[in-house]
C-alpha cells in the first residue's frame, strides 16, 4: 500500500517526465523537418516512412569523383532524414508509455484522496534533480 504523499509525488514525477519528453519529441520533430527541407531543396521528393531507400536517378552513366561525392552526400542526407524519422517515432512511443504511467499515478492519487478527503499532500517547493531540461550547448 502506498501513502498518499508517495502517490502524489510519483504522480508529479510522472507529469514532469511527460512534460520533458514532450519537449524532446518537439525538438526531434524539428530535426526531422529540417532534414526533409534539405531533401526538398536538393530537388528530390521526401520519402515516406518505410518505403526504403530512394535511388538517385539523376546521375549520369559515366561516373567520376564529383558524381560519387554527390551520390554520397545525397545518401547521407537521406540517411539522416530516416534516422530523424525513427527517433521521432521511437520517442513518441516512449512518450505514450510515460503518459499511461502518469495516468495510472493520477488514478491512484484520486483513489487515495477519496479515502482521506480534505487531506493535502506535502508539497515540495524546490525542483528535483532532472525536473528541468538543461540547455543544449
N, C-alpha and C. Protein backbone atom coordinates (compact mmCIF):
# COMPACT_ATOMS: atom_id res chain seq x y z
N UNK A 1 0.83 -1.17 0.00
CA UNK A 1 0.00 0.00 0.00
C UNK A 1 0.89 1.24 0.00
N UNK A 2 0.52 2.21 -0.78
CA UNK A 2 1.29 3.45 -0.89
C UNK A 2 0.67 4.52 0.00
N UNK A 3 1.52 5.42 0.51
CA UNK A 3 0.99 6.58 1.23
C UNK A 3 0.51 7.60 0.20
N UNK A 4 -0.39 8.47 0.62
CA UNK A 4 -0.91 9.49 -0.30
C UNK A 4 0.22 10.40 -0.77
N UNK A 5 1.13 10.76 0.13
CA UNK A 5 2.25 11.62 -0.25
C UNK A 5 3.14 10.96 -1.30
N UNK A 6 3.40 9.66 -1.14
CA UNK A 6 4.23 8.94 -2.10
C UNK A 6 3.51 8.85 -3.45
N UNK A 7 2.22 8.58 -3.42
CA UNK A 7 1.46 8.51 -4.66
C UNK A 7 1.45 9.86 -5.35
N UNK A 8 1.25 10.92 -4.56
CA UNK A 8 1.22 12.27 -5.14
C UNK A 8 2.58 12.64 -5.73
N UNK A 9 3.67 12.34 -5.02
CA UNK A 9 4.99 12.68 -5.56
C UNK A 9 5.31 11.85 -6.80
N UNK A 10 4.85 10.59 -6.83
CA UNK A 10 5.06 9.77 -8.03
C UNK A 10 4.27 10.32 -9.21
N UNK A 11 3.07 10.80 -8.93
CA UNK A 11 2.24 11.41 -9.98
C UNK A 11 2.92 12.67 -10.52
N UNK A 12 3.44 13.51 -9.63
CA UNK A 12 4.13 14.74 -10.06
C UNK A 12 5.38 14.40 -10.87
N UNK A 13 6.11 13.36 -10.45
CA UNK A 13 7.30 12.95 -11.19
C UNK A 13 6.92 12.44 -12.58
N UNK A 14 5.84 11.67 -12.67
CA UNK A 14 5.38 11.19 -13.97
C UNK A 14 4.96 12.35 -14.86
N UNK A 15 4.28 13.34 -14.29
CA UNK A 15 3.90 14.53 -15.05
C UNK A 15 5.13 15.24 -15.59
N UNK A 16 6.15 15.35 -14.75
CA UNK A 16 7.39 16.03 -15.15
C UNK A 16 8.07 15.28 -16.30
N UNK A 17 8.12 13.94 -16.20
CA UNK A 17 8.74 13.15 -17.29
C UNK A 17 7.97 13.33 -18.59
N UNK A 18 6.65 13.33 -18.52
CA UNK A 18 5.84 13.51 -19.73
C UNK A 18 6.11 14.89 -20.33
N UNK A 19 6.18 15.91 -19.50
CA UNK A 19 6.46 17.26 -19.98
C UNK A 19 7.83 17.34 -20.65
N UNK A 20 8.85 16.73 -20.02
CA UNK A 20 10.20 16.75 -20.59
C UNK A 20 10.27 16.03 -21.93
N UNK A 21 9.69 14.85 -22.00
CA UNK A 21 9.76 14.08 -23.24
C UNK A 21 8.88 14.70 -24.33
N UNK A 22 7.82 15.39 -23.94
CA UNK A 22 7.03 16.11 -24.94
C UNK A 22 7.90 17.19 -25.59
N UNK A 23 8.66 17.91 -24.78
CA UNK A 23 9.57 18.93 -25.32
C UNK A 23 10.64 18.28 -26.20
N UNK A 24 11.15 17.14 -25.78
CA UNK A 24 12.19 16.45 -26.55
C UNK A 24 11.66 15.97 -27.89
N UNK A 25 10.44 15.45 -27.92
CA UNK A 25 9.84 14.99 -29.18
C UNK A 25 9.66 16.17 -30.13
N UNK A 26 9.28 17.33 -29.60
CA UNK A 26 9.14 18.52 -30.45
C UNK A 26 10.49 18.88 -31.07
N UNK A 27 11.56 18.79 -30.29
CA UNK A 27 12.90 19.07 -30.82
C UNK A 27 13.25 18.07 -31.93
N UNK A 28 12.96 16.79 -31.70
CA UNK A 28 13.24 15.78 -32.72
C UNK A 28 12.40 16.01 -33.98
N UNK A 29 11.16 16.45 -33.81
CA UNK A 29 10.31 16.72 -34.98
C UNK A 29 10.87 17.89 -35.79
N UNK A 30 11.45 18.88 -35.11
CA UNK A 30 12.08 19.99 -35.83
C UNK A 30 13.28 19.49 -36.64
N UNK A 31 14.04 18.57 -36.05
CA UNK A 31 15.18 17.99 -36.76
C UNK A 31 14.72 17.22 -37.99
N UNK A 32 13.65 16.44 -37.83
CA UNK A 32 13.11 15.68 -38.96
C UNK A 32 12.66 16.63 -40.07
N UNK A 33 11.99 17.70 -39.71
CA UNK A 33 11.52 18.68 -40.71
C UNK A 33 12.70 19.35 -41.41
N UNK A 34 13.77 19.63 -40.67
CA UNK A 34 14.94 20.26 -41.27
C UNK A 34 15.57 19.34 -42.32
N UNK A 35 15.66 18.04 -42.01
CA UNK A 35 16.22 17.11 -42.99
C UNK A 35 15.30 16.97 -44.19
N UNK A 36 14.00 16.97 -43.97
CA UNK A 36 13.06 16.89 -45.09
C UNK A 36 13.21 18.13 -45.98
N UNK A 37 13.41 19.28 -45.35
CA UNK A 37 13.57 20.51 -46.13
C UNK A 37 14.86 20.46 -46.96
N UNK A 38 15.94 19.91 -46.38
CA UNK A 38 17.19 19.78 -47.14
C UNK A 38 17.00 18.89 -48.35
N UNK A 39 16.24 17.81 -48.17
CA UNK A 39 15.98 16.90 -49.29
C UNK A 39 15.20 17.62 -50.38
N UNK A 40 14.20 18.39 -50.01
CA UNK A 40 13.40 19.12 -50.99
C UNK A 40 14.23 20.20 -51.67
N UNK A 41 15.13 20.85 -50.93
CA UNK A 41 15.99 21.88 -51.53
C UNK A 41 16.92 21.28 -52.58
N UNK A 42 17.26 20.01 -52.40
CA UNK A 42 18.13 19.34 -53.37
C UNK A 42 17.34 18.92 -54.61
N UNK A 43 16.02 19.06 -54.56
CA UNK A 43 15.20 18.74 -55.72
C UNK A 43 14.63 17.34 -55.71
N UNK A 44 14.65 16.68 -54.60
CA UNK A 44 14.12 15.32 -54.50
C UNK A 44 12.85 15.32 -53.68
N UNK A 45 12.04 14.31 -53.89
CA UNK A 45 10.85 14.14 -53.07
C UNK A 45 11.22 13.52 -51.74
N UNK A 46 10.51 13.89 -50.69
CA UNK A 46 10.77 13.33 -49.37
C UNK A 46 10.16 11.93 -49.33
N UNK A 47 10.97 10.92 -49.02
CA UNK A 47 10.44 9.56 -48.99
C UNK A 47 9.47 9.38 -47.82
N UNK A 48 8.47 8.56 -48.04
CA UNK A 48 7.53 8.26 -46.97
C UNK A 48 8.16 7.23 -46.04
N UNK A 49 7.66 7.15 -44.85
CA UNK A 49 8.18 6.22 -43.86
C UNK A 49 8.03 4.78 -44.37
N UNK A 50 9.05 3.98 -44.15
CA UNK A 50 9.07 2.55 -44.51
C UNK A 50 9.02 2.28 -46.02
N UNK A 51 9.39 3.24 -46.85
CA UNK A 51 9.42 2.96 -48.28
C UNK A 51 10.80 2.48 -48.72
N UNK A 52 11.72 2.47 -47.80
CA UNK A 52 13.07 2.03 -48.15
C UNK A 52 13.90 3.18 -48.67
N UNK A 53 14.97 2.85 -49.33
CA UNK A 53 15.92 3.84 -49.79
C UNK A 53 15.55 4.31 -51.18
N UNK A 54 15.60 5.62 -51.39
CA UNK A 54 15.32 6.16 -52.72
C UNK A 54 16.57 6.04 -53.57
N UNK A 55 16.41 5.71 -54.81
CA UNK A 55 17.57 5.65 -55.69
C UNK A 55 17.81 7.03 -56.29
N UNK A 56 19.04 7.27 -56.61
CA UNK A 56 19.41 8.55 -57.19
C UNK A 56 19.46 8.35 -58.70
N UNK A 57 18.42 8.79 -59.40
CA UNK A 57 18.31 8.54 -60.83
C UNK A 57 18.83 9.65 -61.70
N UNK A 58 19.25 10.76 -61.10
CA UNK A 58 19.70 11.90 -61.90
C UNK A 58 21.19 11.84 -62.26
N UNK A 59 21.90 10.88 -61.76
CA UNK A 59 23.34 10.81 -62.01
C UNK A 59 23.59 10.18 -63.38
N UNK A 60 24.56 10.76 -64.12
CA UNK A 60 24.89 10.29 -65.47
C UNK A 60 25.46 8.87 -65.43
N UNK A 61 25.51 8.26 -66.59
CA UNK A 61 26.05 6.91 -66.71
C UNK A 61 27.55 6.89 -66.41
N UNK A 62 28.27 7.89 -66.90
CA UNK A 62 29.69 7.94 -66.65
C UNK A 62 29.91 8.54 -65.25
N UNK A 63 30.59 7.80 -64.42
CA UNK A 63 30.77 8.21 -63.03
C UNK A 63 32.17 8.75 -62.84
N UNK A 64 32.26 9.95 -62.28
CA UNK A 64 33.56 10.48 -61.91
C UNK A 64 33.54 10.79 -60.41
N UNK A 65 34.62 11.36 -59.88
CA UNK A 65 34.73 11.58 -58.44
C UNK A 65 33.67 12.55 -57.93
N UNK A 66 33.34 13.57 -58.69
CA UNK A 66 32.31 14.53 -58.26
C UNK A 66 30.95 13.85 -58.17
N UNK A 67 30.66 12.97 -59.11
CA UNK A 67 29.39 12.25 -59.08
C UNK A 67 29.31 11.34 -57.85
N UNK A 68 30.42 10.68 -57.57
CA UNK A 68 30.45 9.80 -56.40
C UNK A 68 30.23 10.62 -55.13
N UNK A 69 30.90 11.77 -55.04
CA UNK A 69 30.73 12.65 -53.88
C UNK A 69 29.29 13.12 -53.76
N UNK A 70 28.68 13.50 -54.87
CA UNK A 70 27.29 13.95 -54.86
C UNK A 70 26.35 12.83 -54.40
N UNK A 71 26.57 11.63 -54.91
CA UNK A 71 25.74 10.49 -54.52
C UNK A 71 25.89 10.23 -53.02
N UNK A 72 27.13 10.25 -52.52
CA UNK A 72 27.36 10.01 -51.09
C UNK A 72 26.70 11.11 -50.24
N UNK A 73 26.76 12.34 -50.69
CA UNK A 73 26.13 13.45 -49.96
C UNK A 73 24.62 13.25 -49.90
N UNK A 74 24.03 12.91 -51.03
CA UNK A 74 22.58 12.69 -51.09
C UNK A 74 22.19 11.51 -50.21
N UNK A 75 22.97 10.43 -50.27
CA UNK A 75 22.68 9.27 -49.43
C UNK A 75 22.78 9.62 -47.95
N UNK A 76 23.75 10.47 -47.60
CA UNK A 76 23.91 10.89 -46.20
C UNK A 76 22.70 11.69 -45.74
N UNK A 77 22.22 12.60 -46.58
CA UNK A 77 21.05 13.40 -46.21
C UNK A 77 19.83 12.49 -46.02
N UNK A 78 19.63 11.54 -46.93
CA UNK A 78 18.51 10.61 -46.79
C UNK A 78 18.65 9.75 -45.54
N UNK A 79 19.88 9.32 -45.25
CA UNK A 79 20.10 8.50 -44.05
C UNK A 79 19.81 9.30 -42.78
N UNK A 80 20.23 10.56 -42.76
CA UNK A 80 19.95 11.42 -41.59
C UNK A 80 18.45 11.67 -41.45
N UNK A 81 17.77 11.85 -42.55
CA UNK A 81 16.32 12.04 -42.51
C UNK A 81 15.63 10.79 -41.97
N UNK A 82 16.06 9.63 -42.44
CA UNK A 82 15.49 8.37 -41.96
C UNK A 82 15.75 8.17 -40.47
N UNK A 83 16.96 8.52 -40.03
CA UNK A 83 17.28 8.40 -38.61
C UNK A 83 16.42 9.35 -37.78
N UNK A 84 16.21 10.56 -38.27
CA UNK A 84 15.36 11.52 -37.56
C UNK A 84 13.93 11.01 -37.47
N UNK A 85 13.43 10.42 -38.55
CA UNK A 85 12.07 9.85 -38.52
C UNK A 85 11.98 8.73 -37.48
N UNK A 86 13.00 7.87 -37.44
CA UNK A 86 12.99 6.77 -36.47
C UNK A 86 13.02 7.30 -35.04
N UNK A 87 13.83 8.33 -34.79
CA UNK A 87 13.90 8.90 -33.45
C UNK A 87 12.55 9.47 -33.03
N UNK A 88 11.91 10.19 -33.92
CA UNK A 88 10.60 10.77 -33.60
C UNK A 88 9.62 9.65 -33.28
N UNK A 89 9.61 8.61 -34.09
CA UNK A 89 8.68 7.50 -33.86
C UNK A 89 8.95 6.81 -32.53
N UNK A 90 10.22 6.53 -32.24
CA UNK A 90 10.58 5.83 -31.01
C UNK A 90 10.23 6.66 -29.77
N UNK A 91 10.59 7.93 -29.80
CA UNK A 91 10.32 8.76 -28.63
C UNK A 91 8.84 9.09 -28.48
N UNK A 92 8.11 9.10 -29.57
CA UNK A 92 6.65 9.28 -29.47
C UNK A 92 6.03 8.06 -28.80
N UNK A 93 6.50 6.88 -29.15
CA UNK A 93 6.02 5.66 -28.49
C UNK A 93 6.39 5.66 -27.01
N UNK A 94 7.62 6.08 -26.70
CA UNK A 94 8.05 6.15 -25.31
C UNK A 94 7.21 7.17 -24.54
N UNK A 95 6.89 8.27 -25.19
CA UNK A 95 6.05 9.29 -24.56
C UNK A 95 4.67 8.74 -24.24
N UNK A 96 4.13 7.92 -25.12
CA UNK A 96 2.82 7.30 -24.85
C UNK A 96 2.89 6.39 -23.63
N UNK A 97 4.00 5.68 -23.46
CA UNK A 97 4.18 4.83 -22.28
C UNK A 97 4.24 5.69 -21.02
N UNK A 98 5.02 6.78 -21.09
CA UNK A 98 5.10 7.68 -19.93
C UNK A 98 3.76 8.31 -19.60
N UNK A 99 3.00 8.65 -20.63
CA UNK A 99 1.68 9.25 -20.41
C UNK A 99 0.75 8.26 -19.72
N UNK A 100 0.80 6.99 -20.11
CA UNK A 100 -0.05 5.99 -19.45
C UNK A 100 0.39 5.79 -18.00
N UNK A 101 1.70 5.89 -17.74
CA UNK A 101 2.20 5.82 -16.37
C UNK A 101 1.68 7.01 -15.56
N UNK A 102 1.72 8.20 -16.15
CA UNK A 102 1.19 9.39 -15.48
C UNK A 102 -0.29 9.21 -15.16
N UNK A 103 -1.05 8.70 -16.11
CA UNK A 103 -2.48 8.49 -15.90
C UNK A 103 -2.73 7.48 -14.78
N UNK A 104 -1.90 6.44 -14.71
CA UNK A 104 -2.06 5.43 -13.66
C UNK A 104 -1.80 6.04 -12.28
N UNK A 105 -0.76 6.90 -12.18
CA UNK A 105 -0.48 7.54 -10.90
C UNK A 105 -1.57 8.55 -10.55
N UNK A 106 -2.12 9.22 -11.53
CA UNK A 106 -3.22 10.16 -11.26
C UNK A 106 -4.43 9.41 -10.72
N UNK A 107 -4.70 8.25 -11.30
CA UNK A 107 -5.83 7.43 -10.84
C UNK A 107 -5.59 6.94 -9.41
N UNK A 108 -4.36 6.49 -9.11
CA UNK A 108 -4.04 6.06 -7.75
C UNK A 108 -4.18 7.21 -6.76
N UNK A 109 -3.75 8.41 -7.19
CA UNK A 109 -3.84 9.58 -6.31
C UNK A 109 -5.30 9.92 -6.03
N UNK A 110 -6.14 9.84 -7.05
CA UNK A 110 -7.57 10.13 -6.83
C UNK A 110 -8.18 9.10 -5.90
N UNK A 111 -7.83 7.83 -6.06
CA UNK A 111 -8.35 6.79 -5.17
C UNK A 111 -7.89 7.02 -3.74
N UNK A 112 -6.60 7.37 -3.58
CA UNK A 112 -6.06 7.62 -2.24
C UNK A 112 -6.69 8.87 -1.62
N UNK A 113 -6.95 9.87 -2.42
CA UNK A 113 -7.56 11.10 -1.92
C UNK A 113 -9.00 10.88 -1.48
N UNK A 114 -9.68 9.94 -2.12
CA UNK A 114 -11.07 9.68 -1.74
C UNK A 114 -11.15 8.98 -0.38
N UNK A 115 -10.07 8.30 0.01
CA UNK A 115 -10.04 7.65 1.32
C UNK A 115 -9.92 8.70 2.42
N UNK A 116 -9.16 9.75 2.14
CA UNK A 116 -8.96 10.82 3.13
C UNK A 116 -9.31 12.16 2.48
N UNK A 117 -10.62 12.46 2.35
CA UNK A 117 -10.99 13.74 1.74
C UNK A 117 -10.49 14.90 2.58
N UNK A 118 -10.05 15.93 1.91
CA UNK A 118 -9.56 17.11 2.60
C UNK A 118 -8.08 17.05 2.93
N UNK A 119 -7.44 15.90 2.75
CA UNK A 119 -6.01 15.79 3.03
C UNK A 119 -5.23 16.45 1.90
N UNK A 120 -4.29 17.30 2.26
CA UNK A 120 -3.43 17.96 1.28
C UNK A 120 -2.05 17.30 1.34
N UNK A 121 -1.56 16.80 0.22
CA UNK A 121 -0.24 16.18 0.22
C UNK A 121 0.85 17.21 0.50
N UNK A 122 1.93 16.74 1.04
CA UNK A 122 3.07 17.60 1.32
C UNK A 122 3.63 18.08 -0.02
N UNK A 123 3.83 19.38 -0.12
CA UNK A 123 4.36 19.95 -1.38
C UNK A 123 5.86 20.19 -1.24
N UNK A 124 6.54 19.91 -2.28
CA UNK A 124 7.99 20.15 -2.34
C UNK A 124 8.20 21.35 -3.26
N UNK A 125 8.65 22.47 -2.70
CA UNK A 125 8.78 23.70 -3.49
C UNK A 125 10.07 23.77 -4.30
N UNK A 126 11.07 23.00 -3.94
CA UNK A 126 12.32 23.05 -4.71
C UNK A 126 12.28 22.00 -5.82
N UNK A 127 12.80 22.37 -7.02
CA UNK A 127 12.77 21.42 -8.14
C UNK A 127 13.69 20.23 -7.86
N UNK A 128 13.25 19.08 -8.32
CA UNK A 128 14.04 17.88 -8.16
C UNK A 128 15.09 17.80 -9.26
N UNK A 129 16.09 17.01 -8.98
CA UNK A 129 17.14 16.78 -9.98
C UNK A 129 16.48 16.15 -11.21
N UNK A 130 16.71 16.72 -12.38
CA UNK A 130 16.16 16.18 -13.61
C UNK A 130 14.80 16.74 -13.98
N UNK A 131 14.23 17.63 -13.15
CA UNK A 131 12.91 18.19 -13.46
C UNK A 131 12.96 19.21 -14.59
N UNK A 132 14.12 19.76 -14.84
CA UNK A 132 14.24 20.77 -15.88
C UNK A 132 15.21 20.30 -16.94
N UNK A 133 14.88 20.56 -18.18
CA UNK A 133 15.77 20.20 -19.27
C UNK A 133 16.90 21.23 -19.31
N UNK A 134 18.09 20.73 -19.33
CA UNK A 134 19.25 21.63 -19.39
C UNK A 134 19.45 22.09 -20.83
N UNK A 135 19.82 23.36 -21.04
CA UNK A 135 20.01 23.84 -22.41
C UNK A 135 21.15 23.12 -23.12
N UNK A 136 20.95 22.89 -24.41
CA UNK A 136 22.00 22.27 -25.22
C UNK A 136 23.08 23.28 -25.50
N UNK A 137 24.32 22.84 -25.48
CA UNK A 137 25.45 23.75 -25.75
C UNK A 137 25.74 23.80 -27.21
